Amino acid sequence: MDRVLIFVTLGFALMFFIIREGTRMTKVRLYEIIIAVYTFSCCFSRMYIPLFNLGDDSGGSFGPSLAIWPFYAMSLVLIWIIARDKRWRIRRPNIWLFFVLLAYAGYTLANPYNAYRMYTVIEVFYLLSFAVFMYLFANSFSVKSVIRGIYMGLVATVVLNFLLSICYPVLNMEGVIKLYDSEAATRSDERVGAVATMGHPNVLGTYASYYFVFFAACFVTAYKRQLSAVCAGMAFLIIVMTASRSALMASIVALVAIVVFYIYRRYKLLSFQSVLKGIIPLGIFIALLLTGPLSFLFSDVEDLDEMTTSRLMHYYCGYEIFEDHPLIGVGLNAHLNYLAENGSAMMFEQIFDMTDLYQPEEFMFSNPIHNIWIILIDELGLVGFLPLLGFVIWYIATFKRRTRSSRNRYYNILNISGLGVACCWLVQGNSDWAPLTPQVLNLSLMFVVLSLNRHYAAEEHPEFESVEAYKRRMRAAEASDEAIEVVPT
């Protein structure tokens, strides 16, 4: 029933977008609607078709099922667009990136310590096919169409998620919990969070943090500023209603990064102007927010202590895996299987206070480690982990250079969104594994990958000019008018 409702909702969204365009419908508008419907479909955690299941629930962050996700269907549409409109005249793929992806896939599948290669195939199949999808996507549309389509899709997403989050937990209408995911869980009785279209509050909080930074990027670049401010506020309230502390902190850090790296990008990070006008006021606002309206998330000390202890035990498990295989790890999507076969909960009684924990071994051996960086270093080893960590650091460090090299604000929206996503990875990734789930990778990887498209950075749209360019144009027009007035008739 949940998947039927998902397709019905997507059908209503498609009809709404088409009716909204009315007589203004063009081929470009139609393509933007296609992007919008695809983006909207990514918010449903059950929006996949399982091909086969390996028979147990011991899979890592990608689970034990090989599945078809929305971008597979979207890829077929993109191939049709490329054949019809582009006549197959598309840019050559980056050959070096192609070899890097193949090298990662080959070395994790050939890993002699990987005893669970079928689980690795699940993740490798997803990542390689998503890379092909991104290549087709970047060759099919202009950056303006991409932003317009994503914007429509995420507006539909934030409205639906906000309404469902208001219904539960605010209005306590429990009937909406399993509408879009029959296996949804609201965490626990002590700290109940909204799930909306996702299966767990942490997953919803992670996903909402991504479209929160997207709308914040639209706001700071003056793209539909009023609507963007409303949508960003709704997204932030969704994060609060999930009661996900990690998603909340990640969103705040991402917002700080946007202020520091983009709004005050003309100032040095530690200059007087940036500290006085940006860092201090924003810090005071966040402190008042966390100690005032949002203090309830951090006031339950017992819940916080229990979660901290459980994560520390999980991190110790990750340390043991790393100690066994530090160089090449145990294979993508295979760390939980390795932990279930080789771990023991007996040792924790000597290290941690487990008196208040309920069946900690069930938590540790049935859930991926709640830290994406520990997961990556356990599954890839130092050989695969260090390049990935270096890429994230390089991506953040080169943000200013990418924004300065482009005069296209549509591209800068992608760039700012990618910066926010990277900050969320660094913050939330240290206490949760939700950022590595395929449901949320659909959106986060899209922002990051598209922001690195140098062809998007090179596109220019004169109707979306900067404030400085507008002032220069107006001064030139005024000077021209004055020159005409003084010419004798």
Protein backbone atom coordinates (compact mmCIF):
# COMPACT_ATOMS: atom_id res chain seq x y z
CA MET A 1 0.00 0.00 0.00
CA ASP A 2 2.84 2.41 0.77
CA ARG A 3 4.31 2.18 -2.74
CA VAL A 4 0.87 2.60 -4.32
CA LEU A 5 0.36 5.81 -2.35
CA ILE A 6 3.81 7.01 -3.42
CA PHE A 7 2.99 6.61 -7.12
CA VAL A 8 -0.40 8.28 -6.63
CA THR A 9 1.31 11.24 -4.91
CA LEU A 10 3.85 11.53 -7.72
CA GLY A 11 1.01 11.41 -10.27
CA PHE A 12 -0.78 14.27 -8.52
CA ALA A 13 2.47 16.25 -8.41
CA LEU A 14 3.01 15.72 -12.15
CA MET A 15 -0.53 16.87 -12.97
CA PHE A 16 -0.14 19.91 -10.71
CA PHE A 17 3.11 20.97 -12.37
CA ILE A 18 1.60 20.56 -15.86
CA ILE A 19 -1.63 22.42 -15.01
CA ARG A 20 0.40 25.15 -13.32
CA GLU A 21 2.30 25.83 -16.54
CA GLY A 22 -0.87 25.84 -18.65
CA THR A 23 -0.37 27.59 -21.97
CA ARG A 24 3.20 28.53 -21.05
CA MET A 25 4.30 24.93 -21.54
CA THR A 26 7.40 24.58 -23.71
CA LYS A 27 9.93 21.83 -24.23
CA VAL A 28 12.27 23.40 -21.68
CA ARG A 29 9.44 23.74 -19.15
CA LEU A 30 8.54 20.09 -19.70
CA TYR A 31 12.11 19.05 -18.99
CA GLU A 32 12.08 21.11 -15.80
CA ILE A 33 8.90 19.30 -14.72
CA ILE A 34 10.62 15.97 -15.34
CA ILE A 35 13.51 17.06 -13.11
CA ALA A 36 11.00 18.25 -10.47
CA VAL A 37 9.12 14.95 -10.38
CA TYR A 38 12.37 13.00 -10.14
CA THR A 39 13.63 15.23 -7.31
CA PHE A 40 10.30 14.86 -5.50
CA SER A 41 10.48 11.06 -5.84
CA CYS A 42 13.80 10.99 -3.95
CA CYS A 43 12.09 11.93 -0.66
CA PHE A 44 10.30 8.57 -0.40
CA SER A 45 12.39 5.97 1.40
CA ARG A 46 10.32 3.15 -0.15
CA MET A 47 10.73 4.45 -3.69
CA TYR A 48 12.69 1.46 -4.93
CA ILE A 49 11.99 -1.92 -6.50
CA PRO A 50 13.96 -4.80 -4.88
CA LEU A 51 15.42 -7.27 -7.38
CA PHE A 52 16.57 -9.86 -4.89
CA ASN A 53 17.37 -10.13 -1.20
CA LEU A 54 20.38 -11.92 0.23
CA GLY A 55 18.18 -13.41 2.92
CA ASP A 56 19.09 -11.56 6.11
CA ASP A 57 19.24 -8.05 7.54
CA SER A 58 22.96 -7.95 8.19
CA GLY A 59 23.79 -5.64 5.32
CA GLY A 60 25.62 -2.40 6.02
CA SER A 61 24.32 1.06 5.22
CA PHE A 62 23.11 -0.13 1.80
CA GLY A 63 21.29 -3.12 3.22
CA PRO A 64 21.03 -6.68 1.88
CA SER A 65 18.91 -5.99 -1.24
CA LEU A 66 19.86 -5.16 -4.79
CA ALA A 67 17.25 -2.63 -5.88
CA ILE A 68 16.16 -0.29 -8.67
CA TRP A 69 16.01 3.34 -7.54
CA PRO A 70 14.24 6.33 -9.21
CA PHE A 71 17.36 7.49 -11.04
CA TYR A 72 17.38 4.27 -13.09
CA ALA A 73 14.03 5.24 -14.65
CA MET A 74 15.24 8.83 -14.97
CA SER A 75 18.33 7.59 -16.85
CA LEU A 76 16.08 6.05 -19.52
CA VAL A 77 14.33 9.40 -19.92
CA LEU A 78 17.70 11.14 -20.22
CA ILE A 79 18.85 8.73 -22.92
CA TRP A 80 15.66 9.53 -24.86
CA ILE A 81 16.28 13.29 -24.47
CA ILE A 82 19.91 12.96 -25.57
CA ALA A 83 18.95 10.89 -28.61
CA ARG A 84 16.07 13.20 -29.58
CA ASP A 85 17.46 16.65 -28.89
CA LYS A 86 21.23 16.25 -28.73
CA ARG A 87 21.53 13.74 -31.58
CA TRP A 88 24.02 11.94 -29.31
CA ARG A 89 26.35 14.95 -29.41
CA ILE A 90 27.44 14.92 -25.79
CA ARG A 91 30.68 15.64 -23.99
CA ARG A 92 33.23 12.91 -23.48
CA PRO A 93 33.29 11.57 -19.90
CA ASN A 94 36.24 12.31 -17.67
CA ILE A 95 38.47 9.32 -18.36
CA TRP A 96 40.47 9.74 -15.16
CA LEU A 97 37.35 9.77 -13.00
CA PHE A 98 36.16 6.68 -14.84
CA PHE A 99 39.36 4.83 -13.97
CA VAL A 100 39.22 5.99 -10.33
CA LEU A 101 35.71 4.56 -9.94
CA LEU A 102 36.73 1.29 -11.57
CA ALA A 103 39.82 1.09 -9.37
CA TYR A 104 37.74 1.51 -6.22
CA ALA A 105 35.23 -1.09 -7.40
CA GLY A 106 37.92 -3.55 -8.40
CA TYR A 107 39.99 -3.28 -5.26
CA THR A 108 37.05 -3.62 -2.85
CA LEU A 109 35.65 -6.62 -4.74
CA ALA A 110 39.07 -8.28 -5.00
CA ASN A 111 39.82 -7.62 -1.33
CA PRO A 112 40.96 -10.98 0.11
CA TYR A 113 39.47 -10.04 3.51
CA ASN A 114 36.04 -9.39 1.98
CA ALA A 115 34.02 -12.51 2.77
CA TYR A 116 30.72 -10.88 1.84
CA ARG A 117 31.23 -9.82 -1.77
CA MET A 118 27.55 -9.97 -2.70
CA TYR A 119 26.87 -7.19 -0.19
CA THR A 120 29.69 -5.21 -1.79
CA VAL A 121 28.14 -5.76 -5.23
CA ILE A 122 24.97 -4.03 -3.98
CA GLU A 123 26.81 -0.81 -3.13
CA VAL A 124 29.16 -0.90 -6.13
CA PHE A 125 26.23 -1.41 -8.50
CA TYR A 126 24.45 1.59 -6.99
CA LEU A 127 27.46 3.93 -7.07
CA LEU A 128 28.59 3.07 -10.61
CA SER A 129 25.07 3.38 -12.02
CA PHE A 130 24.60 6.69 -10.19
CA ALA A 131 27.83 7.96 -11.78
CA VAL A 132 26.41 7.07 -15.22
CA PHE A 133 23.16 8.83 -14.31
CA MET A 134 25.02 12.00 -13.31
CA TYR A 135 26.95 11.94 -16.60
CA LEU A 136 23.69 11.71 -18.57
CA PHE A 137 22.03 14.34 -16.38
CA ALA A 138 24.81 16.91 -16.81
CA ASN A 139 24.68 16.43 -20.59
CA SER A 140 20.91 16.81 -20.88
CA PHE A 141 20.05 20.16 -19.29
CA SER A 142 21.40 23.63 -18.71
CA VAL A 143 22.17 24.67 -15.16
CA LYS A 144 19.19 27.04 -15.22
CA SER A 145 16.79 24.19 -16.02
CA VAL A 146 18.44 22.03 -13.36
CA ILE A 147 17.93 24.62 -10.62
CA ARG A 148 14.37 25.44 -11.67
CA GLY A 149 13.45 21.74 -11.73
CA ILE A 150 15.15 20.88 -8.45
CA TYR A 151 13.52 23.92 -6.85
CA MET A 152 10.01 22.83 -7.84
CA GLY A 153 10.66 19.28 -6.66
CA LEU A 154 12.06 20.34 -3.30
CA VAL A 155 9.22 22.81 -2.68
CA ALA A 156 6.79 19.90 -3.09
CA THR A 157 9.02 17.83 -0.80
CA VAL A 158 9.20 20.37 2.00
CA VAL A 159 5.46 21.05 1.91
CA LEU A 160 4.55 17.35 2.10
CA ASN A 161 7.11 16.58 4.81
CA PHE A 162 6.07 19.63 6.83
CA LEU A 163 2.38 18.67 6.75
CA LEU A 164 3.15 15.08 7.74
CA SER A 165 5.47 16.25 10.52
CA ILE A 166 2.75 18.53 11.88
CA CYS A 167 0.32 15.60 11.89
CA TYR A 168 2.84 13.56 13.86
CA PRO A 169 4.28 14.20 16.39
CA VAL A 170 2.69 17.65 16.92
CA LEU A 171 -0.96 16.59 16.50
CA ASN A 172 -0.22 12.97 17.52
CA MET A 173 -2.02 11.54 14.46
CA GLU A 174 -0.25 8.17 14.45
CA GLY A 175 -2.05 7.06 11.30
CA VAL A 176 0.33 9.08 9.11
CA ILE A 177 3.49 7.34 10.41
CA LYS A 178 3.31 4.36 8.08
CA LEU A 179 1.53 5.99 5.14
CA TYR A 180 4.61 6.13 2.93
CA ASP A 181 6.71 3.48 4.69
CA SER A 182 5.02 0.47 6.24
CA GLU A 183 8.15 -0.26 8.31
CA ALA A 184 8.62 3.27 9.67
CA ALA A 185 9.70 3.68 13.30
CA THR A 186 9.60 6.85 15.39
CA ARG A 187 12.71 5.94 17.44
CA SER A 188 11.40 5.48 21.02
CA ASP A 189 8.85 6.65 23.57
CA GLU A 190 11.34 8.95 25.29
CA ARG A 191 12.25 11.05 22.26
CA VAL A 192 9.70 10.63 19.48
CA GLY A 193 10.50 12.22 16.16
CA ALA A 194 8.72 12.85 12.87
CA VAL A 195 9.27 10.40 10.02
CA ALA A 196 7.06 11.92 7.27
CA THR A 197 7.98 10.12 4.00
CA MET A 198 11.11 8.49 5.42
CA GLY A 199 11.39 5.40 7.61
CA HIS A 200 13.21 6.91 10.59
CA PRO A 201 13.55 10.38 12.19
CA ASN A 202 17.32 10.46 11.69
CA VAL A 203 16.96 9.72 7.98
CA LEU A 204 14.33 12.44 7.61
CA GLY A 205 16.49 14.87 9.59
CA THR A 206 19.48 14.12 7.37
CA TYR A 207 17.49 14.58 4.17
CA ALA A 208 15.82 17.75 5.47
CA SER A 209 19.21 19.24 6.30
CA TYR A 210 20.14 18.93 2.62
CA TYR A 211 17.12 20.76 1.26
CA PHE A 212 17.46 23.27 4.09
CA VAL A 213 20.90 24.28 2.79
CA PHE A 214 19.53 24.33 -0.78
CA PHE A 215 16.84 26.86 0.13
CA ALA A 216 19.38 28.82 2.18
CA ALA A 217 21.57 28.91 -0.95
CA CYS A 218 18.64 30.18 -3.01
CA PHE A 219 17.96 32.87 -0.40
CA VAL A 220 21.51 34.23 -0.24
CA THR A 221 21.72 34.34 -4.05
CA ALA A 222 18.37 36.18 -4.27
CA TYR A 223 16.64 33.42 -6.22
CA LYS A 224 12.91 33.56 -5.31
CA ARG A 225 14.03 35.04 -2.01
CA GLN A 226 10.68 35.20 -0.19
CA LEU A 227 9.57 31.68 -1.09
CA SER A 228 13.08 30.37 -0.37
CA ALA A 229 13.00 31.95 3.11
CA VAL A 230 9.64 30.31 3.84
CA CYS A 231 10.81 26.90 2.59
CA ALA A 232 14.09 27.14 4.53
CA GLY A 233 12.10 27.95 7.68
CA MET A 234 9.79 24.98 7.09
CA ALA A 235 12.78 22.70 6.49
CA PHE A 236 14.37 23.85 9.76
CA LEU A 237 11.13 23.16 11.64
CA ILE A 238 11.02 19.66 10.10
CA ILE A 239 14.53 19.03 11.43
CA VAL A 240 13.42 20.19 14.91
CA MET A 241 10.34 17.92 14.77
CA THR A 242 12.53 14.91 13.95
CA ALA A 243 14.30 15.52 17.30
CA SER A 244 17.55 14.58 15.55
CA ARG A 245 20.31 16.37 17.42
CA SER A 246 22.95 15.47 14.86
CA ALA A 247 20.87 16.79 11.93
CA LEU A 248 20.16 20.01 13.82
CA MET A 249 23.82 20.63 14.62
CA ALA A 250 24.84 19.74 11.06
CA SER A 251 22.31 22.24 9.65
CA ILE A 252 23.55 24.99 11.95
CA VAL A 253 27.19 24.36 11.04
CA ALA A 254 26.27 24.31 7.35
CA LEU A 255 24.51 27.66 7.77
CA VAL A 256 27.56 29.11 9.50
CA ALA A 257 29.74 27.87 6.64
CA ILE A 258 27.46 29.55 4.09
CA VAL A 259 27.69 32.84 5.99
CA VAL A 260 31.46 32.67 6.41
CA PHE A 261 32.45 31.29 3.00
CA TYR A 262 29.86 32.95 0.76
CA ILE A 263 28.17 35.97 2.30
CA TYR A 264 31.45 37.26 3.75
CA ARG A 265 33.65 35.76 1.07
CA ARG A 266 35.23 39.15 0.30
CA TYR A 267 36.66 39.30 3.81
CA LYS A 268 39.38 37.19 5.32
CA LEU A 269 38.06 34.53 7.68
CA LEU A 270 39.56 36.17 10.78
CA SER A 271 39.27 39.77 9.67
CA PHE A 272 37.61 42.43 11.82
CA GLN A 273 34.63 42.74 9.47
CA SER A 274 33.89 38.99 9.30
CA VAL A 275 34.18 38.54 13.08
CA LEU A 276 32.17 41.65 14.01
CA LYS A 277 29.49 41.46 11.31
CA GLY A 278 29.16 37.72 10.82
CA ILE A 279 30.67 35.27 13.30
CA ILE A 280 29.74 37.03 16.57
CA PRO A 281 26.07 37.84 15.69
CA LEU A 282 25.51 34.37 14.25
CA GLY A 283 27.12 32.73 17.28
CA ILE A 284 24.91 34.72 19.66
CA PHE A 285 21.80 33.79 17.66
CA ILE A 286 22.66 30.07 17.67
CA ALA A 287 23.46 30.12 21.40
CA LEU A 288 20.10 31.74 22.17
CA LEU A 289 18.35 29.24 19.91
CA LEU A 290 19.93 26.18 21.55
CA THR A 291 19.48 27.41 25.10
CA GLY A 292 15.95 28.65 24.50
CA PRO A 293 13.38 27.13 22.11
CA LEU A 294 15.50 24.05 21.24
CA SER A 295 16.85 23.30 24.71
CA PHE A 296 14.39 20.39 25.08
CA LEU A 297 16.48 18.32 22.65
CA PHE A 298 19.46 18.45 25.00
CA SER A 299 17.70 18.52 28.40
CA ASP A 300 17.09 14.75 28.57
CA VAL A 301 20.50 13.89 30.01
CA GLU A 302 19.70 10.20 30.54
CA ASP A 303 18.75 9.74 26.90
CA LEU A 304 21.85 11.63 25.81
CA ASP A 305 24.10 9.55 28.06
CA GLU A 306 22.58 6.31 26.81
CA MET A 307 23.04 7.30 23.17
CA THR A 308 26.62 8.39 23.85
CA THR A 309 27.48 5.10 25.56
CA SER A 310 25.92 3.05 22.76
CA ARG A 311 27.88 4.97 20.15
CA LEU A 312 31.14 4.63 22.05
CA MET A 313 30.66 0.87 22.14
CA HIS A 314 29.94 0.92 18.42
CA TYR A 315 33.05 2.99 17.78
CA TYR A 316 35.10 0.50 19.74
CA CYS A 317 33.79 -2.22 17.41
CA GLY A 318 34.93 -0.12 14.46
CA TYR A 319 38.34 0.30 16.06
CA GLU A 320 38.70 -3.47 16.33
CA ILE A 321 37.82 -3.94 12.66
CA PHE A 322 40.39 -1.30 11.72
CA GLU A 323 42.96 -2.97 13.95
CA ASP A 324 42.39 -6.28 12.13
CA HIS A 325 42.55 -4.85 8.58
CA PRO A 326 43.92 -1.28 8.59
CA LEU A 327 45.15 -1.00 4.99
CA ILE A 328 42.38 -2.29 2.72
CA GLY A 329 39.46 -2.87 5.10
CA VAL A 330 36.82 -5.57 4.85
CA GLY A 331 34.91 -4.43 1.73
CA LEU A 332 32.14 -1.93 0.98
CA ASN A 333 28.81 -2.62 2.70
CA ALA A 334 30.38 -5.56 4.57
CA HIS A 335 31.46 -4.15 7.95
CA LEU A 336 28.24 -5.17 9.75
CA ASN A 337 28.51 -8.75 8.53
CA TYR A 338 32.11 -8.83 9.68
CA LEU A 339 31.11 -7.41 13.05
CA ALA A 340 28.27 -9.92 13.54
CA GLU A 341 30.58 -12.84 12.74
CA ASN A 342 33.67 -11.70 14.63
CA GLY A 343 32.48 -9.37 17.41
CA SER A 344 31.58 -10.16 21.00
CA ALA A 345 29.52 -8.12 23.47
CA MET A 346 31.15 -9.75 26.49
CA MET A 347 34.14 -7.40 26.42
CA PHE A 348 31.97 -4.31 26.79
CA GLU A 349 30.98 -5.23 30.34
CA GLN A 350 34.61 -4.62 31.35
CA ILE A 351 34.83 -1.21 29.63
CA PHE A 352 31.39 0.43 29.73
CA ASP A 353 28.56 0.81 32.21
CA MET A 354 25.80 -1.24 30.58
CA THR A 355 23.31 -1.30 33.46
CA ASP A 356 20.90 1.12 31.76
CA LEU A 357 21.23 -0.28 28.23
CA TYR A 358 18.74 -2.73 26.78
CA GLN A 359 20.40 -5.58 24.88
CA PRO A 360 23.37 -3.57 23.59
CA GLU A 361 24.62 -6.46 21.47
CA GLU A 362 21.35 -6.39 19.51
CA PHE A 363 21.88 -2.70 18.79
CA MET A 364 25.53 -3.06 17.79
CA PHE A 365 25.30 -6.20 15.68
CA SER A 366 22.12 -5.29 13.80
CA ASN A 367 22.80 -1.59 13.00
CA PRO A 368 25.68 -0.12 11.00
CA ILE A 369 28.23 1.80 13.04
CA HIS A 370 26.84 5.26 13.79
CA ASN A 371 29.74 7.09 12.17
CA ILE A 372 30.20 7.24 8.40
CA TRP A 373 33.92 7.95 8.69
CA ILE A 374 34.52 4.84 10.82
CA ILE A 375 32.40 2.86 8.36
CA LEU A 376 34.47 4.08 5.41
CA ILE A 377 37.83 3.46 7.06
CA ASP A 378 36.69 -0.03 8.15
CA GLU A 379 35.34 -0.95 4.72
CA LEU A 380 37.97 0.71 2.53
CA GLY A 381 41.00 0.81 4.82
CA LEU A 382 43.50 3.64 4.75
CA VAL A 383 44.15 3.07 1.04
CA GLY A 384 40.60 3.99 0.07
CA PHE A 385 39.62 6.22 2.99
CA LEU A 386 42.36 8.87 2.84
CA PRO A 387 41.62 9.92 -0.78
CA LEU A 388 37.92 10.32 0.09
CA LEU A 389 38.69 12.40 3.17
CA GLY A 390 41.15 14.45 1.12
CA PHE A 391 38.46 15.07 -1.50
CA VAL A 392 35.98 16.42 1.09
CA ILE A 393 38.64 18.74 2.54
CA TRP A 394 39.69 19.88 -0.96
CA TYR A 395 36.04 20.47 -1.92
CA ILE A 396 35.48 22.82 1.02
CA ALA A 397 38.87 24.51 0.63
CA THR A 398 38.26 25.32 -3.06
CA PHE A 399 34.72 26.65 -2.56
CA LYS A 400 35.70 30.32 -2.85
CA ARG A 401 37.69 29.68 -5.99
CA ARG A 402 34.74 27.96 -7.67
CA THR A 403 32.33 30.76 -6.80
CA ARG A 404 34.77 33.44 -7.97
CA SER A 405 35.35 31.65 -11.28
CA SER A 406 31.66 31.67 -12.19
CA ARG A 407 29.32 34.56 -12.93
CA ASN A 408 26.33 32.24 -12.92
CA ARG A 409 24.21 32.34 -9.79
CA TYR A 410 22.39 29.16 -10.77
CA TYR A 411 25.71 27.37 -10.60
CA ASN A 412 26.51 29.05 -7.29
CA ILE A 413 23.29 27.67 -5.83
CA LEU A 414 24.63 24.19 -6.59
CA ASN A 415 28.02 25.19 -5.23
CA ILE A 416 26.63 26.52 -1.94
CA SER A 417 24.36 23.49 -1.57
CA GLY A 418 27.36 21.22 -2.06
CA LEU A 419 29.26 23.13 0.62
CA GLY A 420 26.36 22.63 3.03
CA VAL A 421 26.20 18.93 2.22
CA ALA A 422 29.94 18.50 2.86
CA CYS A 423 29.57 20.26 6.24
CA CYS A 424 26.68 17.95 7.11
CA TRP A 425 28.87 14.97 6.27
CA LEU A 426 31.61 16.23 8.56
CA VAL A 427 29.26 16.99 11.47
CA GLN A 428 26.41 14.52 11.32
CA GLY A 429 28.59 11.79 9.90
CA ASN A 430 30.40 11.58 13.24
CA SER A 431 27.31 10.37 15.09
CA ASP A 432 25.07 8.70 12.51
CA TRP A 433 25.15 6.45 9.46
CA ALA A 434 22.10 7.98 7.72
CA PRO A 435 24.25 10.09 5.31
CA LEU A 436 25.43 6.84 3.68
CA THR A 437 21.96 5.42 3.01
CA PRO A 438 20.92 5.35 -0.65
CA GLN A 439 17.75 7.33 0.14
CA VAL A 440 19.69 10.46 1.08
CA LEU A 441 22.69 9.94 -1.20
CA ASN A 442 20.36 10.53 -4.17
CA LEU A 443 20.17 14.21 -3.24
CA SER A 444 23.49 14.90 -1.53
CA LEU A 445 25.64 13.35 -4.26
CA MET A 446 23.65 15.20 -6.92
CA PHE A 447 24.50 18.58 -5.38
CA VAL A 448 28.19 17.74 -4.98
CA VAL A 449 28.68 16.16 -8.41
CA LEU A 450 26.82 18.87 -10.35
CA SER A 451 28.72 21.63 -8.53
CA LEU A 452 31.95 20.19 -9.94
CA ASN A 453 30.68 20.38 -13.52
CA ARG A 454 32.96 22.98 -15.13
CA HIS A 455 30.53 23.39 -18.04
CA TYR A 456 27.84 24.60 -15.65
CA ALA A 457 30.34 27.01 -14.12
CA ALA A 458 31.07 28.44 -17.57
CA GLU A 459 27.43 29.13 -18.45
CA GLU A 460 26.25 32.74 -18.14
CA HIS A 461 22.75 34.11 -17.77
CA PRO A 462 22.57 37.90 -18.19
CA GLU A 463 19.04 38.06 -16.73
CA PHE A 464 20.43 36.81 -13.44
CA GLU A 465 23.20 39.36 -13.05
CA SER A 466 25.01 40.28 -9.88
CA VAL A 467 24.21 43.39 -7.85
CA GLU A 468 27.51 44.99 -8.89
CA ALA A 469 26.82 44.33 -12.58
CA TYR A 470 23.32 45.81 -12.20
CA LYS A 471 24.75 49.02 -10.65
CA ARG A 472 27.34 49.34 -13.43
CA ARG A 473 24.66 48.89 -16.09
CA MET A 474 22.39 51.49 -14.47
CA ARG A 475 25.24 54.00 -14.18
CA ALA A 476 26.08 53.48 -17.85
CA ALA A 477 22.42 53.96 -18.81
CA GLU A 478 22.18 57.18 -16.78
CA ALA A 479 25.38 58.51 -18.36
CA SER A 480 24.00 57.69 -21.80
CA ASP A 481 20.74 59.55 -21.06
CA GLU A 482 22.66 62.61 -19.86
CA ALA A 483 24.76 62.59 -23.02
CA ILE A 484 21.62 62.55 -25.18
CA GLU A 485 20.14 65.52 -23.28
CA VAL A 486 23.16 67.77 -23.87
CA VAL A 487 23.32 67.06 -27.62
CA PRO A 488 21.99 70.19 -29.43
CA THR A 489 18.91 69.73 -31.51
